[in-house]
Amino acid sequence: MNFMIHRNKTAGGRLALAVVLAAAALGATGCASMGGAGATPEVQVAQLANQRWSHLIAGDWQKAYNMLTPGYRNLHDLRKYQGQFKGAVNWKKAEVANTTCEPEKCEVRIELTVVSPFARGKGDTISTFFNETWLKEGDRWYYYEKP
């Protein structure tokens, strides 16, 4: 895993962070408008992965659960799915770093930023990268989680 520690010590640092977040929001809006039926699988799945993480960060377990494969949902109810996140670290943001797809499967590289459990000051965060798998069933893409 790759880790990066970020510190926001000054007003200038907070302003720079605000500018970066605003630019990211504008970029996400642009990507969302490209995610229509004619979009490539990479664009579609990147948009879905960003949506899923937005739901998780907001604690909207039902919406995140609905993005799981039908097979997983047949084996595990919402309560069990939600229970796996008890005691989770404080997620700050997640964004897609890269997406590569085959006809029925996409691998998505996620950058997840969390509040550092080892924080020495307010605002200290750690970022890590990991992969997610998305599978196509019919005409829809679903997040694959091992049952």
Foldseek 3Di string as FASTA:
>chain_A
DDKDKDDQDDPVSVVVVVVVVVVVVVVLVVLVVQCDPPHDPFSVVQNVVQVLQVCVLVVVQVVNVVQADPVVCVVDPSVVVSVVCVPPFNWDHKHWPGWDDDPFKIKTKMKTKGADPPDPDPPIIMIDIDIWMWGDDDNDIGTYDDD
